[in-house]
Protein backbone atom coordinates (compact mmCIF):
# COMPACT_ATOMS: atom_id res chain seq x y z
CA MET A 1 84.41 23.04 50.35
CA THR A 2 81.70 25.09 48.72
CA GLU A 3 81.62 26.72 45.29
CA GLN A 4 79.41 29.32 43.71
CA PRO A 5 79.06 31.22 40.43
CA VAL A 6 80.10 34.87 40.65
CA GLY A 7 80.27 37.86 38.36
CA PHE A 8 81.77 41.34 38.29
CA THR A 9 82.33 44.07 35.74
CA SER A 10 85.39 45.45 34.00
CA ASP A 11 85.21 48.41 31.61
CA GLY A 12 81.43 47.91 31.61
CA LEU A 13 81.74 44.25 30.55
CA ARG A 14 80.20 41.48 32.63
CA LEU A 15 82.79 38.84 33.49
CA ALA A 16 81.77 35.37 34.66
CA GLY A 17 83.61 33.43 37.32
CA ARG A 18 83.40 30.83 40.03
CA LEU A 19 84.49 31.04 43.66
CA PHE A 20 85.69 28.05 45.67
CA LEU A 21 85.64 28.34 49.47
CA PRO A 22 87.74 25.99 51.59
CA ASP A 23 86.66 24.33 54.77
CA GLY A 24 88.52 25.39 57.89
CA PRO A 25 89.39 28.69 59.56
CA PRO A 26 87.34 31.84 58.99
CA GLN A 27 90.31 33.66 57.44
CA ALA A 28 92.15 32.01 54.55
CA PRO A 29 94.65 33.10 51.89
CA GLY A 30 93.31 33.94 48.45
CA LEU A 31 94.32 32.64 45.04
CA CYS A 32 93.21 33.97 41.66
CA ILE A 33 93.86 31.55 38.79
CA CYS A 34 94.24 33.14 35.34
CA HIS A 35 93.55 31.07 32.24
CA GLY A 36 95.49 31.37 29.00
CA ILE A 37 94.41 32.56 25.57
CA PRO A 38 91.84 29.98 24.38
CA ALA A 39 92.95 27.76 21.53
CA VAL A 40 89.56 26.19 20.77
CA PRO A 41 85.90 27.28 20.95
CA PHE A 42 84.30 27.44 24.40
CA ASN A 43 82.96 24.09 25.60
CA PRO A 44 80.60 24.53 28.59
CA SER A 45 80.97 20.85 29.53
CA ASP A 46 84.76 21.15 29.95
CA GLU A 47 85.53 21.49 33.67
CA GLY A 48 88.88 22.99 32.81
CA TYR A 49 90.23 25.24 35.51
CA ALA A 50 87.48 24.28 37.97
CA VAL A 51 89.34 21.03 38.60
CA LEU A 52 92.44 23.00 39.50
CA ALA A 53 90.48 25.46 41.62
CA ARG A 54 88.99 22.64 43.67
CA ARG A 55 92.45 21.31 44.32
CA PHE A 56 93.72 24.63 45.64
CA ALA A 57 90.58 25.26 47.68
CA GLY A 58 91.30 21.86 49.19
CA GLU A 59 94.76 23.19 50.06
CA GLY A 60 93.09 25.99 52.05
CA PHE A 61 92.86 28.86 49.53
CA VAL A 62 89.80 30.97 48.76
CA THR A 63 90.15 30.38 45.03
CA LEU A 64 88.70 32.45 42.19
CA ILE A 65 88.61 31.47 38.55
CA PHE A 66 87.03 33.71 35.93
CA ASN A 67 86.84 34.23 32.20
CA PHE A 68 88.74 37.19 30.83
CA ARG A 69 86.88 39.35 28.31
CA GLY A 70 86.11 37.46 25.14
CA ALA A 71 86.47 34.04 26.77
CA GLY A 72 83.84 31.61 27.98
CA LEU A 73 80.72 33.23 29.37
CA SER A 74 82.27 36.68 29.76
CA GLU A 75 81.36 39.58 27.50
CA GLY A 76 83.64 41.47 25.16
CA ASN A 77 86.47 40.68 22.78
CA PHE A 78 89.97 39.41 23.42
CA ASP A 79 92.26 42.32 24.24
CA MET A 80 95.59 41.75 26.01
CA ALA A 81 95.69 45.15 27.69
CA GLY A 82 92.05 44.71 28.66
CA TRP A 83 92.95 41.43 30.34
CA THR A 84 95.14 43.28 32.82
CA ARG A 85 92.23 45.52 33.75
CA ASP A 86 90.00 42.46 34.10
CA LEU A 87 92.50 40.92 36.49
CA GLU A 88 92.63 44.09 38.59
CA ARG A 89 88.85 43.91 38.96
CA ALA A 90 89.08 40.20 39.84
CA ILE A 91 91.60 40.94 42.59
CA GLU A 92 89.35 43.69 43.93
CA TYR A 93 86.38 41.31 43.93
CA LEU A 94 88.35 38.59 45.71
CA SER A 95 89.77 41.00 48.30
CA LEU A 96 86.28 41.95 49.48
CA HIS A 97 85.25 38.42 50.42
CA PRO A 98 84.79 38.05 54.20
CA ARG A 99 86.69 34.74 54.28
CA LEU A 100 89.81 36.31 52.81
CA ALA A 101 92.99 37.19 54.66
CA ARG A 102 93.59 40.31 52.60
CA ASP A 103 97.34 40.42 53.20
CA ARG A 104 97.70 37.01 51.53
CA ILE A 105 96.45 37.23 47.94
CA PHE A 106 98.36 35.25 45.33
CA LEU A 107 98.15 34.85 41.56
CA MET A 108 98.73 31.81 39.38
CA GLY A 109 98.60 32.34 35.64
CA PHE A 110 98.93 30.19 32.56
CA SER A 111 100.40 31.31 29.22
CA GLY A 112 98.68 34.59 28.23
CA GLY A 113 97.01 34.69 31.64
CA ALA A 114 100.44 34.44 33.26
CA ALA A 115 101.60 37.38 31.14
CA ALA A 116 98.67 39.44 32.42
CA ALA A 117 99.35 38.28 35.98
CA ILE A 118 103.01 39.30 35.86
CA CYS A 119 102.09 42.73 34.51
CA VAL A 120 99.43 43.29 37.17
CA ALA A 121 101.54 41.93 40.04
CA SER A 122 104.36 44.31 39.12
CA GLN A 123 102.01 47.24 39.80
CA ASN A 124 99.71 45.88 42.51
CA GLU A 125 101.46 45.47 45.84
CA GLY A 126 98.41 43.71 47.24
CA VAL A 127 99.57 40.63 45.34
CA ARG A 128 101.89 38.78 47.72
CA GLY A 129 103.37 36.26 45.29
CA ILE A 130 102.90 34.79 41.83
CA VAL A 131 103.24 31.44 40.09
CA SER A 132 103.82 31.85 36.35
CA CYS A 133 103.14 28.81 34.17
CA ALA A 134 104.30 28.67 30.54
CA SER A 135 104.33 32.44 30.18
CA PRO A 136 105.80 34.15 27.15
CA ALA A 137 108.50 36.66 28.02
CA VAL A 138 107.71 38.76 24.93
CA PHE A 139 105.22 38.59 22.08
CA ASP A 140 107.77 38.89 19.28
CA GLU A 141 106.45 35.82 17.47
CA LEU A 142 103.06 37.51 17.04
CA PHE A 143 104.65 40.41 15.19
CA ALA A 144 106.79 38.30 12.84
CA ASP A 145 105.68 38.40 9.21
CA SER A 146 101.87 38.03 9.10
CA ALA A 147 101.53 35.93 12.27
CA LEU A 148 99.19 38.40 13.96
CA ASP A 149 96.86 38.41 10.97
CA GLY A 150 96.63 34.63 11.21
CA ALA A 151 96.11 34.76 14.96
CA LEU A 152 93.38 37.37 14.58
CA ALA A 153 91.56 35.19 12.05
CA HIS A 154 91.88 32.18 14.34
CA TRP A 155 90.58 34.11 17.34
CA ARG A 156 87.56 35.16 15.30
CA ASP A 157 86.96 31.55 14.30
CA ILE A 158 86.98 30.25 17.87
CA GLY A 159 84.84 33.11 19.15
CA ILE A 160 87.07 35.12 21.48
CA ILE A 161 86.80 38.07 19.06
CA ARG A 162 83.08 38.32 18.46
CA ASP A 163 82.46 41.71 16.88
CA ALA A 164 83.22 42.06 13.17
CA SER A 165 84.40 45.65 13.69
CA PHE A 166 86.85 44.75 16.48
CA PRO A 167 89.52 45.96 16.90
CA ARG A 168 88.37 49.39 15.83
CA ASP A 169 91.88 50.75 16.36
CA ARG A 170 94.18 47.96 15.20
CA SER A 171 97.33 49.87 16.14
CA ALA A 172 96.21 50.49 19.73
CA TRP A 173 95.08 46.87 20.09
CA GLU A 174 98.47 45.62 18.90
CA GLN A 175 100.23 48.03 21.24
CA GLY A 176 98.42 46.34 24.11
CA PHE A 177 100.58 43.24 23.61
CA ARG A 178 103.72 45.37 23.83
CA GLU A 179 102.49 47.08 26.99
CA VAL A 180 101.87 43.77 28.75
CA GLU A 181 105.10 41.97 27.78
CA PRO A 182 106.24 40.24 31.00
CA ALA A 183 109.96 40.80 30.40
CA SER A 184 109.34 44.54 30.82
CA HIS A 185 107.52 44.13 34.14
CA VAL A 186 108.83 41.08 35.96
CA SER A 187 111.69 42.86 37.77
CA ARG A 188 109.15 44.91 39.76
CA ILE A 189 107.55 41.88 41.44
CA ALA A 190 110.40 41.72 43.96
CA PRO A 191 110.63 41.56 46.94
CA ARG A 192 107.57 39.36 46.62
CA PRO A 193 108.27 35.74 45.59
CA LEU A 194 108.02 34.50 42.01
CA LEU A 195 107.95 30.91 40.78
CA ILE A 196 108.41 30.39 37.03
CA LEU A 197 107.24 27.00 35.75
CA HIS A 198 107.81 25.85 32.19
CA GLY A 199 107.98 22.58 30.30
CA ASP A 200 111.06 21.82 28.24
CA ALA A 201 108.77 20.28 25.58
CA ASP A 202 106.35 23.23 25.45
CA GLU A 203 104.97 23.20 21.92
CA VAL A 204 103.53 26.75 22.07
CA VAL A 205 105.95 28.91 24.09
CA PRO A 206 109.57 27.69 23.95
CA ALA A 207 111.30 27.18 27.29
CA ALA A 208 113.79 29.90 26.40
CA HIS A 209 111.08 32.39 27.36
CA ALA A 210 111.21 31.10 30.95
CA SER A 211 114.96 31.64 31.13
CA ARG A 212 114.56 35.15 29.78
CA LEU A 213 111.93 35.93 32.42
CA TYR A 214 114.08 34.47 35.18
CA ASP A 215 117.09 36.52 34.09
CA ALA A 216 114.99 39.70 34.06
CA ALA A 217 113.42 39.04 37.48
CA ALA A 218 114.88 40.06 40.83
CA GLU A 219 115.15 37.92 43.96
CA PRO A 220 113.34 36.08 45.44
CA LYS A 221 112.77 34.04 42.30
CA GLU A 222 112.77 30.40 41.29
CA LEU A 223 112.80 28.68 37.90
CA ALA A 224 111.59 25.09 37.51
CA ILE A 225 111.79 23.44 34.10
CA ILE A 226 109.56 20.36 33.92
CA PRO A 227 111.20 17.51 31.96
CA GLU A 228 109.08 16.62 28.92
CA GLY A 229 106.48 19.09 30.21
CA ARG A 230 104.16 20.52 27.58
CA HIS A 231 102.21 23.78 27.41
CA ARG A 232 99.15 22.73 29.44
CA LEU A 233 100.94 22.67 32.78
CA ARG A 234 97.65 22.75 34.67
CA VAL A 235 97.28 19.04 33.89
CA ASP A 236 100.89 18.24 34.82
CA GLU A 237 100.91 16.96 38.40
CA ARG A 238 104.62 17.68 38.84
CA ALA A 239 104.12 21.36 38.01
CA MET A 240 101.00 21.72 40.13
CA ASP A 241 102.61 19.96 43.08
CA LEU A 242 105.43 22.51 42.94
CA ALA A 243 102.92 25.35 42.69
CA ALA A 244 100.94 24.07 45.68
CA ASN A 245 104.10 23.63 47.75
CA ARG A 246 105.31 27.15 47.13
CA LEU A 247 101.93 28.81 47.57
CA LYS A 248 101.39 27.08 50.91
CA ARG A 249 104.88 28.08 52.04
CA TRP A 250 104.37 31.69 51.02
CA SER A 251 100.93 31.93 52.61
CA ALA A 252 102.28 30.58 55.89
CA GLY A 253 105.12 33.11 55.66
């Protein structure tokens, strides 16, 4: 396996990523892993999703991880609608790699990254399947009382909203959450496969969101609730074993 830093642009913003190339045949399926909304300030020494990417490259996938706008080493400010455009650019970047079997590109997203992935997959038929981990079905909790004001202040504190004047149009920025809500998009992933993973002890997004997504989705779909599983499913071996099993099955399809 080899890995290398990569970068590409989205809406004029430079996004930072890392590409992991498997050993083996010259043509391999592709996987883009989408991180969630950061909860703490960026820590450059935290391997984070690179650990997961190495695992899936070891399973034979050309694997891309990247920071959405506002996160990590990428430019910009956190914007949910902007994240979907970032993911489109990431898929385009991945699809051009010479090692990639372009008819076998898959997405795996976590929390807010899963929401973006569901939205993008519903519109991009080049995505051949998706694993959703701990995704919200809707963003209703953000719009209850003054929750969004508190979230906005927190996101400024941890550095994913960097510009004091952002968002310049608060109404349009808020509308971006509504536009991305997975429950409105998930039915259009079919006939491509969907695996919904969620922990029944998720302390951030209640497991009821997974059931709502599953009910809104069309076949083929699968729901797996991880007993005592918490929000950070990327560190839950049971969840990632299921993800690896399904992705390998779909890519062999």
